[in-house]
Amino acid sequence: MFGLSKLLSNTWKNGKVYSTVIISNLISGIIGIVGSMILNGGWWLVVWFPWVSNHEVRGDRAFQQLIIFYLIAFVLTILIEVAINIFRLKSEYSQKRIITKTLIINTISYLIGSIAMYSFTF
């Protein structure tokens, strides 16, 4: 929220960007939960947020599948958030700027979250 505000508007405090980020993250999260429940027969956040450990992922093939699912979740997150961000912020910023800044912020947050999450589980 703060990062996208800084990258888009060059200020840490931009209410329109804050509300847009909150909305896009909520919608992305809800879609992730519902999608995961549909794909996994009721288990929520298993596909969108695949927090598993070395007990669940054994062998090269299983780890490759985890990475593929994680990348798919990342791409879907980007697509959803970019669409919402463009819809809400197109009058203030160019589409290219919204897309690139959303991609940068999500990449940073995914990297930090992934490193933190998987450093404890693998």
PDB file of N, CA and C in Angstrom:
ATOM      1  N   MET A   1       0.830  -1.175   0.000  1.00  0.00           N
ATOM      2  CA  MET A   1       0.000   0.000   0.000  1.00  0.00           C
ATOM      3  C   MET A   1       0.885   1.253   0.000  1.00  0.00           C
ATOM      4  N   PHE A   2       1.800   1.305   0.956  1.00  0.00           N
ATOM      5  CA  PHE A   2       2.674   2.477   1.041  1.00  0.00           C
ATOM      6  C   PHE A   2       3.627   2.525  -0.147  1.00  0.00           C
ATOM      7  N   GLY A   3       4.130   1.336  -0.532  1.00  0.00           N
ATOM      8  CA  GLY A   3       5.076   1.266  -1.641  1.00  0.00           C
ATOM      9  C   GLY A   3       4.461   1.690  -2.953  1.00  0.00           C
ATOM     10  N   LEU A   4       3.252   1.206  -3.237  1.00  0.00           N
ATOM     11  CA  LEU A   4       2.600   1.600  -4.478  1.00  0.00           C
ATOM     12  C   LEU A   4       2.270   3.087  -4.464  1.00  0.00           C
ATOM     13  N   SER A   5       1.876   3.583  -3.311  1.00  0.00           N
ATOM     14  CA  SER A   5       1.613   5.015  -3.192  1.00  0.00           C
ATOM     15  C   SER A   5       2.875   5.812  -3.519  1.00  0.00           C
ATOM     16  N   LYS A   6       4.001   5.391  -2.968  1.00  0.00           N
ATOM     17  CA  LYS A   6       5.265   6.107  -3.195  1.00  0.00           C
ATOM     18  C   LYS A   6       5.677   6.030  -4.669  1.00  0.00           C
ATOM     19  N   LEU A   7       5.546   4.828  -5.265  1.00  0.00           N
ATOM     20  CA  LEU A   7       5.961   4.671  -6.658  1.00  0.00           C
ATOM     21  C   LEU A   7       5.051   5.415  -7.635  1.00  0.00           C
ATOM     22  N   LEU A   8       3.761   5.426  -7.364  1.00  0.00           N
ATOM     23  CA  LEU A   8       2.837   6.087  -8.284  1.00  0.00           C
ATOM     24  C   LEU A   8       2.791   7.597  -8.099  1.00  0.00           C
ATOM     25  N   SER A   9       2.620   8.026  -6.851  1.00  0.00           N
ATOM     26  CA  SER A   9       2.358   9.446  -6.618  1.00  0.00           C
ATOM     27  C   SER A   9       3.539  10.201  -6.008  1.00  0.00           C
ATOM     28  N   ASN A  10       4.619   9.482  -5.758  1.00  0.00           N
ATOM     29  CA  ASN A  10       5.823  10.059  -5.165  1.00  0.00           C
ATOM     30  C   ASN A  10       5.574  10.604  -3.751  1.00  0.00           C
ATOM     31  N   THR A  11       4.582  10.051  -3.098  1.00  0.00           N
ATOM     32  CA  THR A  11       4.319  10.372  -1.698  1.00  0.00           C
ATOM     33  C   THR A  11       3.891   9.095  -0.987  1.00  0.00           C
ATOM     34  N   TRP A  12       4.214   9.000   0.291  1.00  0.00           N
ATOM     35  CA  TRP A  12       3.863   7.803   1.061  1.00  0.00           C
ATOM     36  C   TRP A  12       2.385   7.789   1.439  1.00  0.00           C
ATOM     37  N   LYS A  13       1.729   8.932   1.354  1.00  0.00           N
ATOM     38  CA  LYS A  13       0.333   9.041   1.802  1.00  0.00           C
ATOM     39  C   LYS A  13      -0.565   9.492   0.660  1.00  0.00           C
ATOM     40  N   ASN A  14      -1.252   8.530   0.052  1.00  0.00           N
ATOM     41  CA  ASN A  14      -2.195   8.844  -1.003  1.00  0.00           C
ATOM     42  C   ASN A  14      -3.444   7.990  -0.770  1.00  0.00           C
ATOM     43  N   GLY A  15      -4.499   8.611  -0.297  1.00  0.00           N
ATOM     44  CA  GLY A  15      -5.716   7.912   0.083  1.00  0.00           C
ATOM     45  C   GLY A  15      -6.349   7.113  -1.042  1.00  0.00           C
ATOM     46  N   LYS A  16      -6.349   7.653  -2.252  1.00  0.00           N
ATOM     47  CA  LYS A  16      -6.946   6.945  -3.390  1.00  0.00           C
ATOM     48  C   LYS A  16      -6.155   5.677  -3.701  1.00  0.00           C
ATOM     49  N   VAL A  17      -4.830   5.766  -3.641  1.00  0.00           N
ATOM     50  CA  VAL A  17      -4.013   4.579  -3.875  1.00  0.00           C
ATOM     51  C   VAL A  17      -4.228   3.578  -2.738  1.00  0.00           C
ATOM     52  N   TYR A  18      -4.272   4.048  -1.507  1.00  0.00           N
ATOM     53  CA  TYR A  18      -4.512   3.156  -0.356  1.00  0.00           C
ATOM     54  C   TYR A  18      -5.806   2.379  -0.539  1.00  0.00           C
ATOM     55  N   SER A  19      -6.887   3.084  -0.823  1.00  0.00           N
ATOM     56  CA  SER A  19      -8.185   2.407  -0.953  1.00  0.00           C
ATOM     57  C   SER A  19      -8.175   1.446  -2.132  1.00  0.00           C
ATOM     58  N   THR A  20      -7.504   1.804  -3.207  1.00  0.00           N
ATOM     59  CA  THR A  20      -7.413   0.927  -4.376  1.00  0.00           C
ATOM     60  C   THR A  20      -6.647  -0.340  -4.041  1.00  0.00           C
ATOM     61  N   VAL A  21      -5.544  -0.207  -3.339  1.00  0.00           N
ATOM     62  CA  VAL A  21      -4.746  -1.377  -2.961  1.00  0.00           C
ATOM     63  C   VAL A  21      -5.539  -2.290  -2.033  1.00  0.00           C
ATOM     64  N   ILE A  22      -6.240  -1.715  -1.090  1.00  0.00           N
ATOM     65  CA  ILE A  22      -7.056  -2.520  -0.179  1.00  0.00           C
ATOM     66  C   ILE A  22      -8.124  -3.285  -0.961  1.00  0.00           C
ATOM     67  N   ILE A  23      -8.816  -2.609  -1.852  1.00  0.00           N
ATOM     68  CA  ILE A  23      -9.856  -3.258  -2.650  1.00  0.00           C
ATOM     69  C   ILE A  23      -9.271  -4.348  -3.539  1.00  0.00           C
ATOM     70  N   SER A  24      -8.184  -4.051  -4.237  1.00  0.00           N
ATOM     71  CA  SER A  24      -7.612  -5.038  -5.159  1.00  0.00           C
ATOM     72  C   SER A  24      -7.062  -6.246  -4.409  1.00  0.00           C
ATOM     73  N   ASN A  25      -6.480  -6.028  -3.240  1.00  0.00           N
ATOM     74  CA  ASN A  25      -5.978  -7.158  -2.454  1.00  0.00           C
ATOM     75  C   ASN A  25      -7.113  -7.994  -1.878  1.00  0.00           C
ATOM     76  N   LEU A  26      -8.179  -7.353  -1.440  1.00  0.00           N
ATOM     77  CA  LEU A  26      -9.337  -8.105  -0.933  1.00  0.00           C
ATOM     78  C   LEU A  26      -9.967  -8.956  -2.039  1.00  0.00           C
ATOM     79  N   ILE A  27     -10.169  -8.361  -3.193  1.00  0.00           N
ATOM     80  CA  ILE A  27     -10.774  -9.104  -4.301  1.00  0.00           C
ATOM     81  C   ILE A  27      -9.861 -10.246  -4.733  1.00  0.00           C
ATOM     82  N   SER A  28      -8.580  -9.980  -4.862  1.00  0.00           N
ATOM     83  CA  SER A  28      -7.624 -11.014  -5.226  1.00  0.00           C
ATOM     84  C   SER A  28      -7.623 -12.139  -4.188  1.00  0.00           C
ATOM     85  N   GLY A  29      -7.645 -11.770  -2.925  1.00  0.00           N
ATOM     86  CA  GLY A  29      -7.658 -12.771  -1.855  1.00  0.00           C
ATOM     87  C   GLY A  29      -8.915 -13.612  -1.859  1.00  0.00           C
ATOM     88  N   ILE A  30     -10.059 -12.979  -2.047  1.00  0.00           N
ATOM     89  CA  ILE A  30     -11.329 -13.716  -2.088  1.00  0.00           C
ATOM     90  C   ILE A  30     -11.355 -14.676  -3.277  1.00  0.00           C
ATOM     91  N   ILE A  31     -10.906 -14.208  -4.427  1.00  0.00           N
ATOM     92  CA  ILE A  31     -10.840 -15.084  -5.599  1.00  0.00           C
ATOM     93  C   ILE A  31      -9.883 -16.245  -5.332  1.00  0.00           C
ATOM     94  N   GLY A  32      -8.774 -15.974  -4.663  1.00  0.00           N
ATOM     95  CA  GLY A  32      -7.831 -17.035  -4.326  1.00  0.00           C
ATOM     96  C   GLY A  32      -8.429 -18.068  -3.397  1.00  0.00           C
ATOM     97  N   ILE A  33      -9.140 -17.611  -2.389  1.00  0.00           N
ATOM     98  CA  ILE A  33      -9.762 -18.539  -1.441  1.00  0.00           C
ATOM     99  C   ILE A  33     -10.827 -19.385  -2.143  1.00  0.00           C
ATOM    100  N   VAL A  34     -11.713 -18.739  -2.885  1.00  0.00           N
ATOM    101  CA  VAL A  34     -12.783 -19.463  -3.574  1.00  0.00           C
ATOM    102  C   VAL A  34     -12.189 -20.428  -4.608  1.00  0.00           C
ATOM    103  N   GLY A  35     -11.225 -19.954  -5.383  1.00  0.00           N
ATOM    104  CA  GLY A  35     -10.575 -20.828  -6.375  1.00  0.00           C
ATOM    105  C   GLY A  35      -9.897 -22.015  -5.738  1.00  0.00           C
ATOM    106  N   SER A  36      -9.223 -21.794  -4.640  1.00  0.00           N
ATOM    107  CA  SER A  36      -8.552 -22.878  -3.937  1.00  0.00           C
ATOM    108  C   SER A  36      -9.554 -23.891  -3.396  1.00  0.00           C
ATOM    109  N   MET A  37     -10.662 -23.388  -2.856  1.00  0.00           N
ATOM    110  CA  MET A  37     -11.680 -24.286  -2.325  1.00  0.00           C
ATOM    111  C   MET A  37     -12.303 -25.126  -3.433  1.00  0.00           C
ATOM    112  N   ILE A  38     -12.526 -24.538  -4.587  1.00  0.00           N
ATOM    113  CA  ILE A  38     -13.084 -25.286  -5.721  1.00  0.00           C
ATOM    114  C   ILE A  38     -12.087 -26.336  -6.204  1.00  0.00           C
ATOM    115  N   LEU A  39     -10.834 -25.946  -6.343  1.00  0.00           N
ATOM    116  CA  LEU A  39      -9.823 -26.870  -6.861  1.00  0.00           C
ATOM    117  C   LEU A  39      -9.427 -27.958  -5.862  1.00  0.00           C
ATOM    118  N   ASN A  40      -9.582 -27.686  -4.580  1.00  0.00           N
ATOM    119  CA  ASN A  40      -9.114 -28.623  -3.561  1.00  0.00           C
ATOM    120  C   ASN A  40     -10.230 -29.228  -2.726  1.00  0.00           C
ATOM    121  N   GLY A  41     -11.440 -29.122  -3.180  1.00  0.00           N
ATOM    122  CA  GLY A  41     -12.541 -29.749  -2.482  1.00  0.00           C
ATOM    123  C   GLY A  41     -12.794 -29.195  -1.094  1.00  0.00           C
ATOM    124  N   GLY A  42     -12.593 -27.913  -0.896  1.00  0.00           N
ATOM    125  CA  GLY A  42     -12.921 -27.289   0.372  1.00  0.00           C
ATOM    126  C   GLY A  42     -11.732 -26.736   1.137  1.00  0.00           C
ATOM    127  N   TRP A  43     -10.532 -27.128   0.774  1.00  0.00           N
ATOM    128  CA  TRP A  43      -9.346 -26.582   1.455  1.00  0.00           C
ATOM    129  C   TRP A  43      -9.093 -25.181   0.923  1.00  0.00           C
ATOM    130  N   TRP A  44      -9.017 -24.217   1.810  1.00  0.00           N
ATOM    131  CA  TRP A  44      -8.828 -22.848   1.361  1.00  0.00           C
ATOM    132  C   TRP A  44      -7.356 -22.455   1.421  1.00  0.00           C
ATOM    133  N   LEU A  45      -6.949 -21.660   0.489  1.00  0.00           N
ATOM    134  CA  LEU A  45      -5.590 -21.105   0.375  1.00  0.00           C
ATOM    135  C   LEU A  45      -4.519 -22.131   0.032  1.00  0.00           C
ATOM    136  N   VAL A  46      -4.897 -23.307  -0.441  1.00  0.00           N
ATOM    137  CA  VAL A  46      -3.886 -24.302  -0.762  1.00  0.00           C
ATOM    138  C   VAL A  46      -3.221 -24.009  -2.102  1.00  0.00           C
ATOM    139  N   VAL A  47      -3.973 -23.483  -3.060  1.00  0.00           N
ATOM    140  CA  VAL A  47      -3.386 -23.157  -4.357  1.00  0.00           C
ATOM    141  C   VAL A  47      -2.872 -21.727  -4.362  1.00  0.00           C
ATOM    142  N   TRP A  48      -3.699 -20.799  -3.898  1.00  0.00           N
ATOM    143  CA  TRP A  48      -3.306 -19.393  -3.974  1.00  0.00           C
ATOM    144  C   TRP A  48      -2.169 -19.083  -3.020  1.00  0.00           C
ATOM    145  N   PHE A  49      -2.170 -19.738  -1.905  1.00  0.00           N
ATOM    146  CA  PHE A  49      -1.173 -19.475  -0.867  1.00  0.00           C
ATOM    147  C   PHE A  49      -0.582 -20.811  -0.434  1.00  0.00           C
ATOM    148  N   PRO A  50       0.279 -21.411  -1.259  1.00  0.00           N
ATOM    149  CA  PRO A  50       0.733 -22.781  -0.999  1.00  0.00           C
ATOM    150  C   PRO A  50       1.834 -22.847   0.066  1.00  0.00           C
ATOM    151  N   TRP A  51       1.437 -22.702   1.314  1.00  0.00           N
ATOM    152  CA  TRP A  51       2.404 -22.791   2.398  1.00  0.00           C
ATOM    153  C   TRP A  51       2.501 -24.239   2.821  1.00  0.00           C
ATOM    154  N   VAL A  52       3.471 -24.895   2.298  1.00  0.00           N
ATOM    155  CA  VAL A  52       3.707 -26.296   2.623  1.00  0.00           C
ATOM    156  C   VAL A  52       5.144 -26.435   3.104  1.00  0.00           C
ATOM    157  N   SER A  53       5.438 -27.570   3.652  1.00  0.00           N
ATOM    158  CA  SER A  53       6.796 -27.790   4.145  1.00  0.00           C
ATOM    159  C   SER A  53       7.412 -28.969   3.424  1.00  0.00           C
ATOM    160  N   ASN A  54       8.614 -29.309   3.834  1.00  0.00           N
ATOM    161  CA  ASN A  54       9.295 -30.435   3.210  1.00  0.00           C
ATOM    162  C   ASN A  54       8.601 -31.761   3.516  1.00  0.00           C
ATOM    163  N   HIS A  55       7.650 -31.767   4.436  1.00  0.00           N
ATOM    164  CA  HIS A  55       6.878 -32.983   4.697  1.00  0.00           C
ATOM    165  C   HIS A  55       5.874 -33.248   3.586  1.00  0.00           C
ATOM    166  N   GLU A  56       5.322 -32.187   2.999  1.00  0.00           N
ATOM    167  CA  GLU A  56       4.355 -32.330   1.917  1.00  0.00           C
ATOM    168  C   GLU A  56       5.006 -32.378   0.545  1.00  0.00           C
ATOM    169  N   VAL A  57       6.151 -31.753   0.394  1.00  0.00           N
ATOM    170  CA  VAL A  57       6.818 -31.666  -0.905  1.00  0.00           C
ATOM    171  C   VAL A  57       8.077 -32.522  -0.849  1.00  0.00           C
ATOM    172  N   ARG A  58       7.960 -33.671  -1.477  1.00  0.00           N
ATOM    173  CA  ARG A  58       9.106 -34.596  -1.502  1.00  0.00           C
ATOM    174  C   ARG A  58       9.436 -34.913  -2.949  1.00  0.00           C
ATOM    175  N   GLY A  59      10.681 -34.772  -3.278  1.00  0.00           N
ATOM    176  CA  GLY A  59      11.128 -35.076  -4.626  1.00  0.00           C
ATOM    177  C   GLY A  59      11.131 -33.847  -5.514  1.00  0.00           C
ATOM    178  N   ASP A  60      11.919 -33.946  -6.587  1.00  0.00           N
ATOM    179  CA  ASP A  60      12.059 -32.817  -7.513  1.00  0.00           C
ATOM    180  C   ASP A  60      10.747 -32.473  -8.201  1.00  0.00           C
ATOM    181  N   ARG A  61      10.001 -33.468  -8.599  1.00  0.00           N
ATOM    182  CA  ARG A  61       8.747 -33.222  -9.326  1.00  0.00           C
ATOM    183  C   ARG A  61       7.740 -32.466  -8.443  1.00  0.00           C
ATOM    184  N   ALA A  62       7.617 -32.851  -7.203  1.00  0.00           N
ATOM    185  CA  ALA A  62       6.675 -32.182  -6.299  1.00  0.00           C
ATOM    186  C   ALA A  62       7.088 -30.732  -6.075  1.00  0.00           C
ATOM    187  N   PHE A  63       8.383 -30.489  -5.937  1.00  0.00           N
ATOM    188  CA  PHE A  63       8.853 -29.117  -5.733  1.00  0.00           C
ATOM    189  C   PHE A  63       8.625 -28.284  -6.992  1.00  0.00           C
ATOM    190  N   GLN A  64       8.835 -28.875  -8.163  1.00  0.00           N
ATOM    191  CA  GLN A  64       8.576 -28.173  -9.425  1.00  0.00           C
ATOM    192  C   GLN A  64       7.094 -27.824  -9.552  1.00  0.00           C
ATOM    193  N   GLN A  65       6.224 -28.747  -9.149  1.00  0.00           N
ATOM    194  CA  GLN A  65       4.791 -28.476  -9.196  1.00  0.00           C
ATOM    195  C   GLN A  65       4.420 -27.344  -8.254  1.00  0.00           C
ATOM    196  N   LEU A  66       5.024 -27.319  -7.080  1.00  0.00           N
ATOM    197  CA  LEU A  66       4.774 -26.231  -6.133  1.00  0.00           C
ATOM    198  C   LEU A  66       5.183 -24.892  -6.746  1.00  0.00           C
ATOM    199  N   ILE A  67       6.324 -24.852  -7.381  1.00  0.00           N
ATOM    200  CA  ILE A  67       6.795 -23.616  -8.010  1.00  0.00           C
ATOM    201  C   ILE A  67       5.845 -23.186  -9.125  1.00  0.00           C
ATOM    202  N   ILE A  68       5.363 -24.139  -9.916  1.00  0.00           N
ATOM    203  CA  ILE A  68       4.427 -23.813 -10.993  1.00  0.00           C
ATOM    204  C   ILE A  68       3.135 -23.239 -10.421  1.00  0.00           C
ATOM    205  N   PHE A  69       2.577 -23.889  -9.385  1.00  0.00           N
ATOM    206  CA  PHE A  69       1.363 -23.367  -8.754  1.00  0.00           C
ATOM    207  C   PHE A  69       1.598 -21.977  -8.172  1.00  0.00           C
ATOM    208  N   TYR A  70       2.740 -21.795  -7.567  1.00  0.00           N
ATOM    209  CA  TYR A  70       3.063 -20.504  -6.964  1.00  0.00           C
ATOM    210  C   TYR A  70       3.163 -19.420  -8.034  1.00  0.00           C
ATOM    211  N   LEU A  71       3.784 -19.741  -9.160  1.00  0.00           N
ATOM    212  CA  LEU A  71       3.892 -18.782 -10.264  1.00  0.00           C
ATOM    213  C   LEU A  71       2.521 -18.470 -10.868  1.00  0.00           C
ATOM    214  N   ILE A  72       1.674 -19.487 -10.992  1.00  0.00           N
ATOM    215  CA  ILE A  72       0.322 -19.259 -11.498  1.00  0.00           C
ATOM    216  C   ILE A  72      -0.437 -18.325 -10.561  1.00  0.00           C
ATOM    217  N   ALA A  73      -0.328 -18.568  -9.257  1.00  0.00           N
ATOM    218  CA  ALA A  73      -0.997 -17.704  -8.277  1.00  0.00           C
ATOM    219  C   ALA A  73      -0.468 -16.276  -8.380  1.00  0.00           C
ATOM    220  N   PHE A  74       0.834 -16.136  -8.569  1.00  0.00           N
ATOM    221  CA  PHE A  74       1.431 -14.808  -8.708  1.00  0.00           C
ATOM    222  C   PHE A  74       0.884 -14.101  -9.944  1.00  0.00           C
ATOM    223  N   VAL A  75       0.849 -14.788 -11.073  1.00  0.00           N
ATOM    224  CA  VAL A  75       0.356 -14.187 -12.318  1.00  0.00           C
ATOM    225  C   VAL A  75      -1.111 -13.799 -12.174  1.00  0.00           C
ATOM    226  N   LEU A  76      -1.921 -14.690 -11.597  1.00  0.00           N
ATOM    227  CA  LEU A  76      -3.334 -14.356 -11.406  1.00  0.00           C
ATOM    228  C   LEU A  76      -3.506 -13.154 -10.478  1.00  0.00           C
ATOM    229  N   THR A  77      -2.703 -13.099  -9.430  1.00  0.00           N
ATOM    230  CA  THR A  77      -2.744 -11.950  -8.529  1.00  0.00           C
ATOM    231  C   THR A  77      -2.434 -10.665  -9.282  1.00  0.00           C
ATOM    232  N   ILE A  78      -1.398 -10.689 -10.082  1.00  0.00           N
ATOM    233  CA  ILE A  78      -1.005  -9.514 -10.867  1.00  0.00           C
ATOM    234  C   ILE A  78      -2.137  -9.101 -11.811  1.00  0.00           C
ATOM    235  N   LEU A  79      -2.705 -10.060 -12.520  1.00  0.00           N
ATOM    236  CA  LEU A  79      -3.770  -9.736 -13.483  1.00  0.00           C
ATOM    237  C   LEU A  79      -4.973  -9.103 -12.787  1.00  0.00           C
ATOM    238  N   ILE A  80      -5.380  -9.673 -11.671  1.00  0.00           N
ATOM    239  CA  ILE A  80      -6.532  -9.138 -10.942  1.00  0.00           C
ATOM    240  C   ILE A  80      -6.235  -7.744 -10.409  1.00  0.00           C
ATOM    241  N   GLU A  81      -5.092  -7.605  -9.752  1.00  0.00           N
ATOM    242  CA  GLU A  81      -4.769  -6.315  -9.145  1.00  0.00           C
ATOM    243  C   GLU A  81      -4.516  -5.237 -10.186  1.00  0.00           C
ATOM    244  N   VAL A  82      -3.860  -5.576 -11.283  1.00  0.00           N
ATOM    245  CA  VAL A  82      -3.633  -4.588 -12.343  1.00  0.00           C
ATOM    246  C   VAL A  82      -4.966  -4.120 -12.920  1.00  0.00           C
ATOM    247  N   ALA A  83      -5.886  -5.041 -13.161  1.00  0.00           N
ATOM    248  CA  ALA A  83      -7.188  -4.668 -13.719  1.00  0.00           C
ATOM    249  C   ALA A  83      -7.931  -3.711 -12.785  1.00  0.00           C
ATOM    250  N   ILE A  84      -7.941  -4.012 -11.507  1.00  0.00           N
ATOM    251  CA  ILE A  84      -8.629  -3.156 -10.538  1.00  0.00           C
ATOM    252  C   ILE A  84      -7.903  -1.821 -10.392  1.00  0.00           C
ATOM    253  N   ASN A  85      -6.578  -1.861 -10.322  1.00  0.00           N
ATOM    254  CA  ASN A  85      -5.800  -0.628 -10.182  1.00  0.00           C
ATOM    255  C   ASN A  85      -5.995   0.292 -11.384  1.00  0.00           C
ATOM    256  N   ILE A  86      -6.011  -0.294 -12.574  1.00  0.00           N
ATOM    257  CA  ILE A  86      -6.239   0.526 -13.769  1.00  0.00           C
ATOM    258  C   ILE A  86      -7.637   1.126 -13.732  1.00  0.00           C
ATOM    259  N   PHE A  87      -8.627   0.317 -13.401  1.00  0.00           N
ATOM    260  CA  PHE A  87     -10.006   0.796 -13.346  1.00  0.00           C
ATOM    261  C   PHE A  87     -10.154   1.975 -12.390  1.00  0.00           C
ATOM    262  N   ARG A  88      -9.509   1.900 -11.233  1.00  0.00           N
ATOM    263  CA  ARG A  88      -9.679   2.943 -10.212  1.00  0.00           C
ATOM    264  C   ARG A  88      -8.713   4.116 -10.353  1.00  0.00           C
ATOM    265  N   LEU A  89      -7.561   3.899 -10.986  1.00  0.00           N
ATOM    266  CA  LEU A  89      -6.536   4.948 -11.003  1.00  0.00           C
ATOM    267  C   LEU A  89      -6.228   5.501 -12.390  1.00  0.00           C
ATOM    268  N   LYS A  90      -6.969   5.068 -13.406  1.00  0.00           N
ATOM    269  CA  LYS A  90      -6.641   5.471 -14.780  1.00  0.00           C
ATOM    270  C   LYS A  90      -6.761   6.972 -15.030  1.00  0.00           C
ATOM    271  N   SER A  91      -7.548   7.661 -14.221  1.00  0.00           N
ATOM    272  CA  SER A  91      -7.670   9.110 -14.440  1.00  0.00           C
ATOM    273  C   SER A  91      -6.462   9.874 -13.902  1.00  0.00           C
ATOM    274  N   GLU A  92      -5.718   9.268 -12.978  1.00  0.00           N
ATOM    275  CA  GLU A  92      -4.557   9.948 -12.393  1.00  0.00           C
ATOM    276  C   GLU A  92      -3.215   9.516 -12.987  1.00  0.00           C
ATOM    277  N   TYR A  93      -3.130   8.238 -13.451  1.00  0.00           N
ATOM    278  CA  TYR A  93      -1.849   7.692 -13.908  1.00  0.00           C
ATOM    279  C   TYR A  93      -2.040   6.911 -15.203  1.00  0.00           C
ATOM    280  N   SER A  94      -0.966   6.808 -15.975  1.00  0.00           N
ATOM    281  CA  SER A  94      -1.042   6.047 -17.224  1.00  0.00           C
ATOM    282  C   SER A  94      -1.139   4.553 -16.927  1.00  0.00           C
ATOM    283  N   GLN A  95      -1.728   3.824 -17.867  1.00  0.00           N
ATOM    284  CA  GLN A  95      -1.847   2.372 -17.692  1.00  0.00           C
ATOM    285  C   GLN A  95      -0.481   1.715 -17.548  1.00  0.00           C
ATOM    286  N   LYS A  96       0.464   2.161 -18.346  1.00  0.00           N
ATOM    287  CA  LYS A  96       1.805   1.585 -18.288  1.00  0.00           C
ATOM    288  C   LYS A  96       2.408   1.782 -16.899  1.00  0.00           C
ATOM    289  N   ARG A  97       2.246   2.955 -16.344  1.00  0.00           N
ATOM    290  CA  ARG A  97       2.780   3.252 -15.009  1.00  0.00           C
ATOM    291  C   ARG A  97       2.107   2.380 -13.946  1.00  0.00           C
ATOM    292  N   ILE A  98       0.793   2.242 -14.032  1.00  0.00           N
ATOM    293  CA  ILE A  98       0.060   1.416 -13.072  1.00  0.00           C
ATOM    294  C   ILE A  98       0.514  -0.036 -13.172  1.00  0.00           C
ATOM    295  N   ILE A  99       0.639  -0.545 -14.382  1.00  0.00           N
ATOM    296  CA  ILE A  99       1.048  -1.942 -14.584  1.00  0.00           C
ATOM    297  C   ILE A  99       2.449  -2.178 -14.039  1.00  0.00           C
ATOM    298  N   THR A 100       3.400  -1.327 -14.417  1.00  0.00           N
ATOM    299  CA  THR A 100       4.786  -1.562 -13.986  1.00  0.00           C
ATOM    300  C   THR A 100       4.950  -1.419 -12.475  1.00  0.00           C
ATOM    301  N   LYS A 101       4.308  -0.433 -11.892  1.00  0.00           N
ATOM    302  CA  LYS A 101       4.453  -0.223 -10.439  1.00  0.00           C
ATOM    303  C   LYS A 101       3.760  -1.340  -9.652  1.00  0.00           C
ATOM    304  N   THR A 102       2.598  -1.798 -10.129  1.00  0.00           N
ATOM    305  CA  THR A 102       1.919  -2.913  -9.474  1.00  0.00           C
ATOM    306  C   THR A 102       2.773  -4.170  -9.565  1.00  0.00           C
ATOM    307  N   LEU A 103       3.385  -4.402 -10.704  1.00  0.00           N
ATOM    308  CA  LEU A 103       4.264  -5.561 -10.882  1.00  0.00           C
ATOM    309  C   LEU A 103       5.478  -5.478  -9.955  1.00  0.00           C
ATOM    310  N   ILE A 104       6.088  -4.314  -9.866  1.00  0.00           N
ATOM    311  CA  ILE A 104       7.258  -4.135  -8.991  1.00  0.00           C
ATOM    312  C   ILE A 104       6.889  -4.405  -7.536  1.00  0.00           C
ATOM    313  N   ILE A 105       5.816  -3.803  -7.060  1.00  0.00           N
ATOM    314  CA  ILE A 105       5.416  -3.958  -5.654  1.00  0.00           C
ATOM    315  C   ILE A 105       5.050  -5.406  -5.341  1.00  0.00           C
ATOM    316  N   ASN A 106       4.303  -6.061  -6.233  1.00  0.00           N
ATOM    317  CA  ASN A 106       3.933  -7.448  -5.992  1.00  0.00           C
ATOM    318  C   ASN A 106       5.133  -8.378  -6.039  1.00  0.00           C
ATOM    319  N   THR A 107       6.068  -8.114  -6.928  1.00  0.00           N
ATOM    320  CA  THR A 107       7.277  -8.935  -6.986  1.00  0.00           C
ATOM    321  C   THR A 107       8.067  -8.811  -5.692  1.00  0.00           C
ATOM    322  N   ILE A 108       8.224  -7.605  -5.205  1.00  0.00           N
ATOM    323  CA  ILE A 108       8.946  -7.389  -3.944  1.00  0.00           C
ATOM    324  C   ILE A 108       8.231  -8.087  -2.792  1.00  0.00           C
ATOM    325  N   SER A 109       6.912  -7.917  -2.697  1.00  0.00           N
ATOM    326  CA  SER A 109       6.185  -8.525  -1.575  1.00  0.00           C
ATOM    327  C   SER A 109       6.176 -10.047  -1.674  1.00  0.00           C
ATOM    328  N   TYR A 110       6.057 -10.600  -2.886  1.00  0.00           N
ATOM    329  CA  TYR A 110       6.118 -12.055  -3.042  1.00  0.00           C
ATOM    330  C   TYR A 110       7.492 -12.580  -2.652  1.00  0.00           C
ATOM    331  N   LEU A 111       8.549 -11.889  -3.060  1.00  0.00           N
ATOM    332  CA  LEU A 111       9.902 -12.341  -2.710  1.00  0.00           C
ATOM    333  C   LEU A 111      10.135 -12.308  -1.204  1.00  0.00           C
ATOM    334  N   ILE A 112       9.781 -11.208  -0.583  1.00  0.00           N
ATOM    335  CA  ILE A 112       9.964 -11.095   0.873  1.00  0.00           C
ATOM    336  C   ILE A 112       9.115 -12.135   1.591  1.00  0.00           C
ATOM    337  N   GLY A 113       7.851 -12.242   1.202  1.00  0.00           N
ATOM    338  CA  GLY A 113       6.966 -13.224   1.837  1.00  0.00           C
ATOM    339  C   GLY A 113       7.416 -14.645   1.617  1.00  0.00           C
ATOM    340  N   SER A 114       7.853 -14.954   0.418  1.00  0.00           N
ATOM    341  CA  SER A 114       8.309 -16.311   0.110  1.00  0.00           C
ATOM    342  C   SER A 114       9.559 -16.675   0.882  1.00  0.00           C
ATOM    343  N   ILE A 115      10.502 -15.761   0.925  1.00  0.00           N
ATOM    344  CA  ILE A 115      11.741 -16.027   1.665  1.00  0.00           C
ATOM    345  C   ILE A 115      11.434 -16.239   3.143  1.00  0.00           C
ATOM    346  N   ALA A 116      10.613 -15.378   3.701  1.00  0.00           N
ATOM    347  CA  ALA A 116      10.256 -15.506   5.118  1.00  0.00           C
ATOM    348  C   ALA A 116       9.499 -16.808   5.374  1.00  0.00           C
ATOM    349  N   MET A 117       8.509 -17.082   4.551  1.00  0.00           N
ATOM    350  CA  MET A 117       7.647 -18.233   4.766  1.00  0.00           C
ATOM    351  C   MET A 117       8.414 -19.544   4.583  1.00  0.00           C
ATOM    352  N   TYR A 118       9.159 -19.667   3.511  1.00  0.00           N
ATOM    353  CA  TYR A 118       9.812 -20.930   3.221  1.00  0.00           C
ATOM    354  C   TYR A 118      11.135 -21.111   3.958  1.00  0.00           C
ATOM    355  N   SER A 119      11.681 -20.071   4.520  1.00  0.00           N
ATOM    356  CA  SER A 119      12.902 -20.258   5.315  1.00  0.00           C
ATOM    357  C   SER A 119      12.599 -21.034   6.610  1.00  0.00           C
ATOM    358  N   PHE A 120      11.337 -20.969   7.046  1.00  0.00           N
ATOM    359  CA  PHE A 120      10.931 -21.706   8.244  1.00  0.00           C
ATOM    360  C   PHE A 120      10.454 -23.120   7.931  1.00  0.00           C
ATOM    361  N   THR A 121      10.041 -23.379   6.695  1.00  0.00           N
ATOM    362  CA  THR A 121       9.384 -24.653   6.400  1.00  0.00           C
ATOM    363  C   THR A 121      10.211 -25.628   5.587  1.00  0.00           C
ATOM    364  N   PHE A 122      11.291 -25.172   4.985  1.00  0.00           N
ATOM    365  CA  PHE A 122      12.127 -26.101   4.207  1.00  0.00           C
ATOM    366  C   PHE A 122      13.521 -26.195   4.787  1.00  0.00           C
TER     367      PHE A 122
END
